[in-house]
Amino acid sequence: MGLRPENVEPLLRGRFGRPYVWVEECGSTQELARPLPAGGVAATDLQRRGRGRRGRRWEAPAGTALLFSLALEPRTPVDLLPAFSLVAAEAVAMAVDPRAAVRWPNDVVIEGRKLAGVLPELRGGRLVVGVGINATMTAGQLPAQARVPPTSLVLEGHDAVDRAALLADVLAELERRYDEFERDGFTGLARDELRGRRVTLTGLASGRSDGVDGQGRLIVDGRPYTSAEVERVEAD
């Protein structure tokens, strides 16, 4: 099913997604969600100016991806909020596929192939979390020059992808993980793709990843990194 309100709203199981705003096409769901109350969600079938981390473009043919943004008003102190990108990415991973893992700081991957991305943006105490999941994209529809080789749920063996049901599942997991984060802070990653593997950070370092610390920083050879690009992950 598509993402129209009549398809999505009956499937919602918590407070996230209320209100729910859907448009067939927009510039960015981040801007649509920004004025919504906490828990509000804006979704679309086509983003004309979708963006990812560091201003990269997020592109997908109409109706082939799950694209939405969630408005939040966290009580967590601002200096502790950066770790929520990992929490949100793991929530997406948990909802979409048993094999999905988090590649620091905000990608969801399956066996090294990027399935989804998360983009939290904080302005004036309001947090808007953008999520993009490649749902039904074929190999020919995926970007050829992507930083991380891309994939989609269909290409990973999901025969039928109901984007409305997928959205409801992701929102339920996001709500659960957000409430835990607000109560307990960041408690680590269960699905950490990088822990124990040798990684190369663009222009910075190469070494063994010891996972992430309590602030969500990537630890490579004992040194924490707050903002970096994972250029390469060595095979196990």
C-alpha atoms as a PDB file:
ATOM      1  CA  MET A   1       0.000   0.000   0.000  1.00  0.00           C
ATOM      2  CA  GLY A   2       0.985   3.607  -0.458  1.00  0.00           C
ATOM      3  CA  LEU A   3       1.587   6.197   2.246  1.00  0.00           C
ATOM      4  CA  ARG A   4      -1.729   8.031   2.090  1.00  0.00           C
ATOM      5  CA  PRO A   5      -3.244   8.678   5.551  1.00  0.00           C
ATOM      6  CA  GLU A   6      -6.071   6.192   5.033  1.00  0.00           C
ATOM      7  CA  ASN A   7      -3.439   3.450   4.589  1.00  0.00           C
ATOM      8  CA  VAL A   8      -1.076   4.473   7.385  1.00  0.00           C
ATOM      9  CA  GLU A   9      -3.193   5.822  10.250  1.00  0.00           C
ATOM     10  CA  PRO A  10      -5.108   2.570  10.991  1.00  0.00           C
ATOM     11  CA  LEU A  11      -1.752   0.791  11.402  1.00  0.00           C
ATOM     12  CA  LEU A  12      -0.206   3.182  13.951  1.00  0.00           C
ATOM     13  CA  ARG A  13       0.359   1.604  17.362  1.00  0.00           C
ATOM     14  CA  GLY A  14       1.580   4.490  19.525  1.00  0.00           C
ATOM     15  CA  ARG A  15       1.816   8.243  19.704  1.00  0.00           C
ATOM     16  CA  PHE A  16       4.363   8.635  16.869  1.00  0.00           C
ATOM     17  CA  GLY A  17       2.643   9.501  13.615  1.00  0.00           C
ATOM     18  CA  ARG A  18      -0.011  11.674  15.259  1.00  0.00           C
ATOM     19  CA  PRO A  19      -0.522  13.946  13.445  1.00  0.00           C
ATOM     20  CA  TYR A  20       0.397  12.330  10.168  1.00  0.00           C
ATOM     21  CA  VAL A  21       0.972  14.518   7.107  1.00  0.00           C
ATOM     22  CA  TRP A  22       1.407  13.068   3.624  1.00  0.00           C
ATOM     23  CA  VAL A  23       2.069  14.851   0.340  1.00  0.00           C
ATOM     24  CA  GLU A  24       2.629  13.225  -3.012  1.00  0.00           C
ATOM     25  CA  GLU A  25       5.706  15.342  -3.680  1.00  0.00           C
ATOM     26  CA  CYS A  26       7.763  17.888  -1.743  1.00  0.00           C
ATOM     27  CA  GLY A  27      11.171  19.485  -1.478  1.00  0.00           C
ATOM     28  CA  SER A  28      12.084  17.833   1.818  1.00  0.00           C
ATOM     29  CA  THR A  29      10.062  16.108   4.541  1.00  0.00           C
ATOM     30  CA  GLN A  30      12.417  17.743   7.070  1.00  0.00           C
ATOM     31  CA  GLU A  31      10.814  21.115   6.394  1.00  0.00           C
ATOM     32  CA  LEU A  32       7.289  19.687   6.415  1.00  0.00           C
ATOM     33  CA  ALA A  33       7.834  18.078   9.818  1.00  0.00           C
ATOM     34  CA  ARG A  34       9.555  21.023  11.498  1.00  0.00           C
ATOM     35  CA  PRO A  35       6.349  22.854  12.578  1.00  0.00           C
ATOM     36  CA  LEU A  36       4.560  19.676  13.701  1.00  0.00           C
ATOM     37  CA  PRO A  37       4.054  18.878  17.401  1.00  0.00           C
ATOM     38  CA  ALA A  38       6.202  16.212  19.038  1.00  0.00           C
ATOM     39  CA  GLY A  39       5.439  12.815  17.516  1.00  0.00           C
ATOM     40  CA  GLY A  40       4.181  14.297  14.266  1.00  0.00           C
ATOM     41  CA  VAL A  41       5.335  12.699  11.019  1.00  0.00           C
ATOM     42  CA  ALA A  42       5.576  14.050   7.484  1.00  0.00           C
ATOM     43  CA  ALA A  43       5.919  11.571   4.608  1.00  0.00           C
ATOM     44  CA  THR A  44       6.068  11.735   0.847  1.00  0.00           C
ATOM     45  CA  ASP A  45       6.412   9.577  -2.244  1.00  0.00           C
ATOM     46  CA  LEU A  46       8.940  11.880  -3.912  1.00  0.00           C
ATOM     47  CA  GLN A  47      11.488  14.345  -2.513  1.00  0.00           C
ATOM     48  CA  ARG A  48      12.883  16.907  -4.911  1.00  0.00           C
ATOM     49  CA  ARG A  49      15.538  18.187  -2.476  1.00  0.00           C
ATOM     50  CA  GLY A  50      16.069  15.197  -0.209  1.00  0.00           C
ATOM     51  CA  ARG A  51      19.376  15.337   1.625  1.00  0.00           C
ATOM     52  CA  GLY A  52      21.607  13.146   3.699  1.00  0.00           C
ATOM     53  CA  ARG A  53      24.619  13.706   5.898  1.00  0.00           C
ATOM     54  CA  ARG A  54      27.011  16.524   4.918  1.00  0.00           C
ATOM     55  CA  GLY A  55      24.507  17.899   2.416  1.00  0.00           C
ATOM     56  CA  ARG A  56      24.521  14.882   0.122  1.00  0.00           C
ATOM     57  CA  ARG A  57      21.478  14.414  -2.068  1.00  0.00           C
ATOM     58  CA  TRP A  58      19.080  11.556  -1.366  1.00  0.00           C
ATOM     59  CA  GLU A  59      17.373  10.484  -4.585  1.00  0.00           C
ATOM     60  CA  ALA A  60      14.791   7.786  -5.278  1.00  0.00           C
ATOM     61  CA  PRO A  61      12.154   7.349  -7.996  1.00  0.00           C
ATOM     62  CA  ALA A  62       8.610   8.139  -6.845  1.00  0.00           C
ATOM     63  CA  GLY A  63       7.058   5.464  -4.664  1.00  0.00           C
ATOM     64  CA  THR A  64      10.169   3.277  -4.376  1.00  0.00           C
ATOM     65  CA  ALA A  65      11.415   4.422  -0.950  1.00  0.00           C
ATOM     66  CA  LEU A  66      10.007   5.069   2.495  1.00  0.00           C
ATOM     67  CA  LEU A  67      10.699   8.767   3.091  1.00  0.00           C
ATOM     68  CA  PHE A  68       9.558  10.505   6.255  1.00  0.00           C
ATOM     69  CA  SER A  69      10.570  12.892   9.028  1.00  0.00           C
ATOM     70  CA  LEU A  70       9.633  12.740  12.698  1.00  0.00           C
ATOM     71  CA  ALA A  71       9.310  15.812  14.942  1.00  0.00           C
ATOM     72  CA  LEU A  72      10.561  15.490  18.530  1.00  0.00           C
ATOM     73  CA  GLU A  73      11.035  17.727  21.567  1.00  0.00           C
ATOM     74  CA  PRO A  74      13.607  15.830  23.655  1.00  0.00           C
ATOM     75  CA  ARG A  75      14.306  16.565  27.312  1.00  0.00           C
ATOM     76  CA  THR A  76      17.797  15.110  26.944  1.00  0.00           C
ATOM     77  CA  PRO A  77      20.505  17.810  27.225  1.00  0.00           C
ATOM     78  CA  VAL A  78      21.705  19.099  23.861  1.00  0.00           C
ATOM     79  CA  ASP A  79      25.270  17.889  24.375  1.00  0.00           C
ATOM     80  CA  LEU A  80      24.021  14.301  24.700  1.00  0.00           C
ATOM     81  CA  LEU A  81      21.727  14.340  21.658  1.00  0.00           C
ATOM     82  CA  PRO A  82      24.307  13.447  18.954  1.00  0.00           C
ATOM     83  CA  ALA A  83      24.170   9.801  20.061  1.00  0.00           C
ATOM     84  CA  PHE A  84      20.503   9.676  19.120  1.00  0.00           C
ATOM     85  CA  SER A  85      21.454   9.282  15.455  1.00  0.00           C
ATOM     86  CA  LEU A  86      22.780   5.828  16.405  1.00  0.00           C
ATOM     87  CA  VAL A  87      19.677   5.043  18.443  1.00  0.00           C
ATOM     88  CA  ALA A  88      17.416   6.005  15.543  1.00  0.00           C
ATOM     89  CA  ALA A  89      19.513   4.075  13.016  1.00  0.00           C
ATOM     90  CA  GLU A  90      19.374   0.955  15.183  1.00  0.00           C
ATOM     91  CA  ALA A  91      15.612   1.333  15.563  1.00  0.00           C
ATOM     92  CA  VAL A  92      15.328   1.337  11.768  1.00  0.00           C
ATOM     93  CA  ALA A  93      17.644  -1.677  11.523  1.00  0.00           C
ATOM     94  CA  MET A  94      15.574  -3.604  14.061  1.00  0.00           C
ATOM     95  CA  ALA A  95      12.360  -2.875  12.167  1.00  0.00           C
ATOM     96  CA  VAL A  96      13.479  -3.671   8.626  1.00  0.00           C
ATOM     97  CA  ASP A  97      15.577  -6.851   8.576  1.00  0.00           C
ATOM     98  CA  PRO A  98      17.197  -9.293  11.027  1.00  0.00           C
ATOM     99  CA  ARG A  99      20.519  -8.879   9.197  1.00  0.00           C
ATOM    100  CA  ALA A 100      20.529  -5.075   9.216  1.00  0.00           C
ATOM    101  CA  ALA A 101      23.243  -3.321  11.224  1.00  0.00           C
ATOM    102  CA  VAL A 102      24.333   0.249  11.996  1.00  0.00           C
ATOM    103  CA  ARG A 103      27.367   1.743  10.302  1.00  0.00           C
ATOM    104  CA  TRP A 104      28.461   4.700  12.401  1.00  0.00           C
ATOM    105  CA  PRO A 105      27.215   7.378  12.495  1.00  0.00           C
ATOM    106  CA  ASN A 106      23.848   7.090  10.742  1.00  0.00           C
ATOM    107  CA  ASP A 107      23.675   4.408   8.048  1.00  0.00           C
ATOM    108  CA  VAL A 108      21.774   1.128   8.072  1.00  0.00           C
ATOM    109  CA  VAL A 109      23.518  -1.592   6.093  1.00  0.00           C
ATOM    110  CA  ILE A 110      23.110  -5.240   5.152  1.00  0.00           C
ATOM    111  CA  GLU A 111      26.425  -6.998   4.557  1.00  0.00           C
ATOM    112  CA  GLY A 112      28.093  -3.691   3.740  1.00  0.00           C
ATOM    113  CA  ARG A 113      25.359  -2.417   1.417  1.00  0.00           C
ATOM    114  CA  LYS A 114      23.452   0.715   2.425  1.00  0.00           C
ATOM    115  CA  LEU A 115      19.747   0.133   2.909  1.00  0.00           C
ATOM    116  CA  ALA A 116      18.751   3.265   4.820  1.00  0.00           C
ATOM    117  CA  GLY A 117      19.964   6.514   6.284  1.00  0.00           C
ATOM    118  CA  VAL A 118      18.976   8.684   9.232  1.00  0.00           C
ATOM    119  CA  LEU A 119      19.408  12.466   9.444  1.00  0.00           C
ATOM    120  CA  PRO A 120      18.710  14.180  12.796  1.00  0.00           C
ATOM    121  CA  GLU A 121      18.631  17.998  12.705  1.00  0.00           C
ATOM    122  CA  LEU A 122      18.361  20.135  15.855  1.00  0.00           C
ATOM    123  CA  ARG A 123      17.061  23.695  15.767  1.00  0.00           C
ATOM    124  CA  GLY A 124      15.940  25.682  18.771  1.00  0.00           C
ATOM    125  CA  GLY A 125      15.471  22.641  20.974  1.00  0.00           C
ATOM    126  CA  ARG A 126      13.358  20.817  18.387  1.00  0.00           C
ATOM    127  CA  LEU A 127      14.746  17.678  16.815  1.00  0.00           C
ATOM    128  CA  VAL A 128      13.610  16.521  13.382  1.00  0.00           C
ATOM    129  CA  VAL A 129      14.711  13.029  12.379  1.00  0.00           C
ATOM    130  CA  GLY A 130      14.645  12.258   8.677  1.00  0.00           C
ATOM    131  CA  VAL A 131      14.587   8.623   7.547  1.00  0.00           C
ATOM    132  CA  GLY A 132      15.052   7.215   4.068  1.00  0.00           C
ATOM    133  CA  ILE A 133      14.714   3.483   3.386  1.00  0.00           C
ATOM    134  CA  ASN A 134      15.231   1.928  -0.043  1.00  0.00           C
ATOM    135  CA  ALA A 135      12.123  -0.217  -0.333  1.00  0.00           C
ATOM    136  CA  THR A 136      11.312  -1.445  -3.845  1.00  0.00           C
ATOM    137  CA  MET A 137      14.162   0.057  -5.863  1.00  0.00           C
ATOM    138  CA  THR A 138      15.649  -2.238  -8.501  1.00  0.00           C
ATOM    139  CA  ALA A 139      19.377  -2.449  -9.183  1.00  0.00           C
ATOM    140  CA  GLY A 140      18.949  -0.088 -12.126  1.00  0.00           C
ATOM    141  CA  GLN A 141      17.210   2.520  -9.968  1.00  0.00           C
ATOM    142  CA  LEU A 142      19.906   2.683  -7.300  1.00  0.00           C
ATOM    143  CA  PRO A 143      22.546   5.448  -7.575  1.00  0.00           C
ATOM    144  CA  ALA A 144      25.602   4.203  -9.437  1.00  0.00           C
ATOM    145  CA  GLN A 145      28.145   6.499  -7.772  1.00  0.00           C
ATOM    146  CA  ALA A 146      27.058   6.167  -4.148  1.00  0.00           C
ATOM    147  CA  ARG A 147      29.649   6.494  -1.362  1.00  0.00           C
ATOM    148  CA  VAL A 148      28.488   3.144   0.069  1.00  0.00           C
ATOM    149  CA  PRO A 149      27.162   0.473  -2.346  1.00  0.00           C
ATOM    150  CA  PRO A 150      23.353   0.664  -2.052  1.00  0.00           C
ATOM    151  CA  THR A 151      20.684  -1.981  -1.810  1.00  0.00           C
ATOM    152  CA  SER A 152      16.925  -2.197  -1.219  1.00  0.00           C
ATOM    153  CA  LEU A 153      14.545  -4.436   0.671  1.00  0.00           C
ATOM    154  CA  VAL A 154      13.416  -6.059  -2.575  1.00  0.00           C
ATOM    155  CA  LEU A 155      16.993  -6.780  -3.603  1.00  0.00           C
ATOM    156  CA  GLU A 156      17.608  -8.288  -0.157  1.00  0.00           C
ATOM    157  CA  GLY A 157      14.860 -10.845  -0.642  1.00  0.00           C
ATOM    158  CA  HIS A 158      11.726  -9.100   0.658  1.00  0.00           C
ATOM    159  CA  ASP A 159       9.235 -10.194  -1.999  1.00  0.00           C
ATOM    160  CA  ALA A 160       6.455  -7.749  -1.155  1.00  0.00           C
ATOM    161  CA  VAL A 161       7.108  -4.463   0.603  1.00  0.00           C
ATOM    162  CA  ASP A 162       4.093  -2.680   2.055  1.00  0.00           C
ATOM    163  CA  ARG A 163       5.414   0.809   2.739  1.00  0.00           C
ATOM    164  CA  ALA A 164       2.482   1.711   5.009  1.00  0.00           C
ATOM    165  CA  ALA A 165       3.069  -1.328   7.225  1.00  0.00           C
ATOM    166  CA  LEU A 166       6.814  -0.711   7.140  1.00  0.00           C
ATOM    167  CA  LEU A 167       6.309   2.875   8.291  1.00  0.00           C
ATOM    168  CA  ALA A 168       4.113   1.735  11.180  1.00  0.00           C
ATOM    169  CA  ASP A 169       6.741  -0.829  12.215  1.00  0.00           C
ATOM    170  CA  VAL A 170       9.583   1.697  12.063  1.00  0.00           C
ATOM    171  CA  LEU A 171       7.629   4.312  14.033  1.00  0.00           C
ATOM    172  CA  ALA A 172       6.770   1.787  16.752  1.00  0.00           C
ATOM    173  CA  GLU A 173      10.431   0.842  17.142  1.00  0.00           C
ATOM    174  CA  LEU A 174      11.549   4.479  17.022  1.00  0.00           C
ATOM    175  CA  GLU A 175       9.079   5.344  19.763  1.00  0.00           C
ATOM    176  CA  ARG A 176      10.269   2.503  21.975  1.00  0.00           C
ATOM    177  CA  ARG A 177      13.933   3.369  21.504  1.00  0.00           C
ATOM    178  CA  TYR A 178      13.357   7.118  21.901  1.00  0.00           C
ATOM    179  CA  ASP A 179      11.585   6.598  25.227  1.00  0.00           C
ATOM    180  CA  GLU A 180      14.467   4.417  26.428  1.00  0.00           C
ATOM    181  CA  PHE A 181      16.974   7.059  25.316  1.00  0.00           C
ATOM    182  CA  GLU A 182      15.101   9.816  27.142  1.00  0.00           C
ATOM    183  CA  ARG A 183      14.963   7.684  30.291  1.00  0.00           C
ATOM    184  CA  ASP A 184      18.373   5.976  30.293  1.00  0.00           C
ATOM    185  CA  GLY A 185      20.545   7.890  27.841  1.00  0.00           C
ATOM    186  CA  PHE A 186      22.637   6.149  25.209  1.00  0.00           C
ATOM    187  CA  THR A 187      23.348   2.581  26.302  1.00  0.00           C
ATOM    188  CA  GLY A 188      25.291   1.334  23.287  1.00  0.00           C
ATOM    189  CA  LEU A 189      24.676  -0.495  20.035  1.00  0.00           C
ATOM    190  CA  ALA A 190      23.556  -4.106  19.766  1.00  0.00           C
ATOM    191  CA  ARG A 191      23.851  -4.094  15.961  1.00  0.00           C
ATOM    192  CA  ASP A 192      27.237  -2.442  15.459  1.00  0.00           C
ATOM    193  CA  GLU A 193      28.624  -3.284  12.013  1.00  0.00           C
ATOM    194  CA  LEU A 194      32.083  -1.885  12.771  1.00  0.00           C
ATOM    195  CA  ARG A 195      32.985  -3.277  16.210  1.00  0.00           C
ATOM    196  CA  GLY A 196      36.024  -5.517  16.035  1.00  0.00           C
ATOM    197  CA  ARG A 197      36.705  -4.771  12.363  1.00  0.00           C
ATOM    198  CA  ARG A 198      39.456  -2.767  10.731  1.00  0.00           C
ATOM    199  CA  VAL A 199      38.180   0.514   9.320  1.00  0.00           C
ATOM    200  CA  THR A 200      39.620   3.452   7.426  1.00  0.00           C
ATOM    201  CA  LEU A 201      38.357   6.960   8.164  1.00  0.00           C
ATOM    202  CA  THR A 202      38.741   9.393   5.272  1.00  0.00           C
ATOM    203  CA  GLY A 203      41.838  11.523   5.830  1.00  0.00           C
ATOM    204  CA  LEU A 204      42.095  10.604   9.505  1.00  0.00           C
ATOM    205  CA  ALA A 205      42.992   7.113  10.617  1.00  0.00           C
ATOM    206  CA  SER A 206      42.990   3.408   9.938  1.00  0.00           C
ATOM    207  CA  GLY A 207      42.735   0.816  12.666  1.00  0.00           C
ATOM    208  CA  ARG A 208      40.564  -1.522  14.678  1.00  0.00           C
ATOM    209  CA  SER A 209      37.150  -0.274  15.726  1.00  0.00           C
ATOM    210  CA  ASP A 210      36.297  -0.811  19.371  1.00  0.00           C
ATOM    211  CA  GLY A 211      32.705   0.251  18.775  1.00  0.00           C
ATOM    212  CA  VAL A 212      31.174   3.429  20.161  1.00  0.00           C
ATOM    213  CA  ASP A 213      31.460   5.023  23.579  1.00  0.00           C
ATOM    214  CA  GLY A 214      28.760   6.471  25.840  1.00  0.00           C
ATOM    215  CA  GLN A 215      28.711   9.697  23.828  1.00  0.00           C
ATOM    216  CA  GLY A 216      28.223   7.908  20.534  1.00  0.00           C
ATOM    217  CA  ARG A 217      31.792   8.540  19.367  1.00  0.00           C
ATOM    218  CA  LEU A 218      33.534   5.948  17.211  1.00  0.00           C
ATOM    219  CA  ILE A 219      36.603   4.465  18.900  1.00  0.00           C
ATOM    220  CA  VAL A 220      39.435   3.479  16.547  1.00  0.00           C
ATOM    221  CA  ASP A 221      42.626   2.153  18.135  1.00  0.00           C
ATOM    222  CA  GLY A 222      41.561   3.740  21.411  1.00  0.00           C
ATOM    223  CA  ARG A 223      40.951   7.209  19.977  1.00  0.00           C
ATOM    224  CA  PRO A 224      37.423   8.723  19.844  1.00  0.00           C
ATOM    225  CA  TYR A 225      36.061  10.363  16.698  1.00  0.00           C
ATOM    226  CA  THR A 226      32.995  12.585  16.731  1.00  0.00           C
ATOM    227  CA  SER A 227      32.734  13.478  13.049  1.00  0.00           C
ATOM    228  CA  ALA A 228      34.336  11.397  10.340  1.00  0.00           C
ATOM    229  CA  GLU A 229      33.605   9.385   7.211  1.00  0.00           C
ATOM    230  CA  VAL A 230      34.049   5.622   7.157  1.00  0.00           C
ATOM    231  CA  GLU A 231      35.836   5.145   3.853  1.00  0.00           C
ATOM    232  CA  ARG A 232      36.451   1.412   4.012  1.00  0.00           C
ATOM    233  CA  VAL A 233      35.519  -1.555   6.185  1.00  0.00           C
ATOM    234  CA  GLU A 234      37.746  -4.598   5.887  1.00  0.00           C
ATOM    235  CA  ALA A 235      36.123  -7.983   5.408  1.00  0.00           C
ATOM    236  CA  ASP A 236      36.025 -10.254   8.429  1.00  0.00           C
END
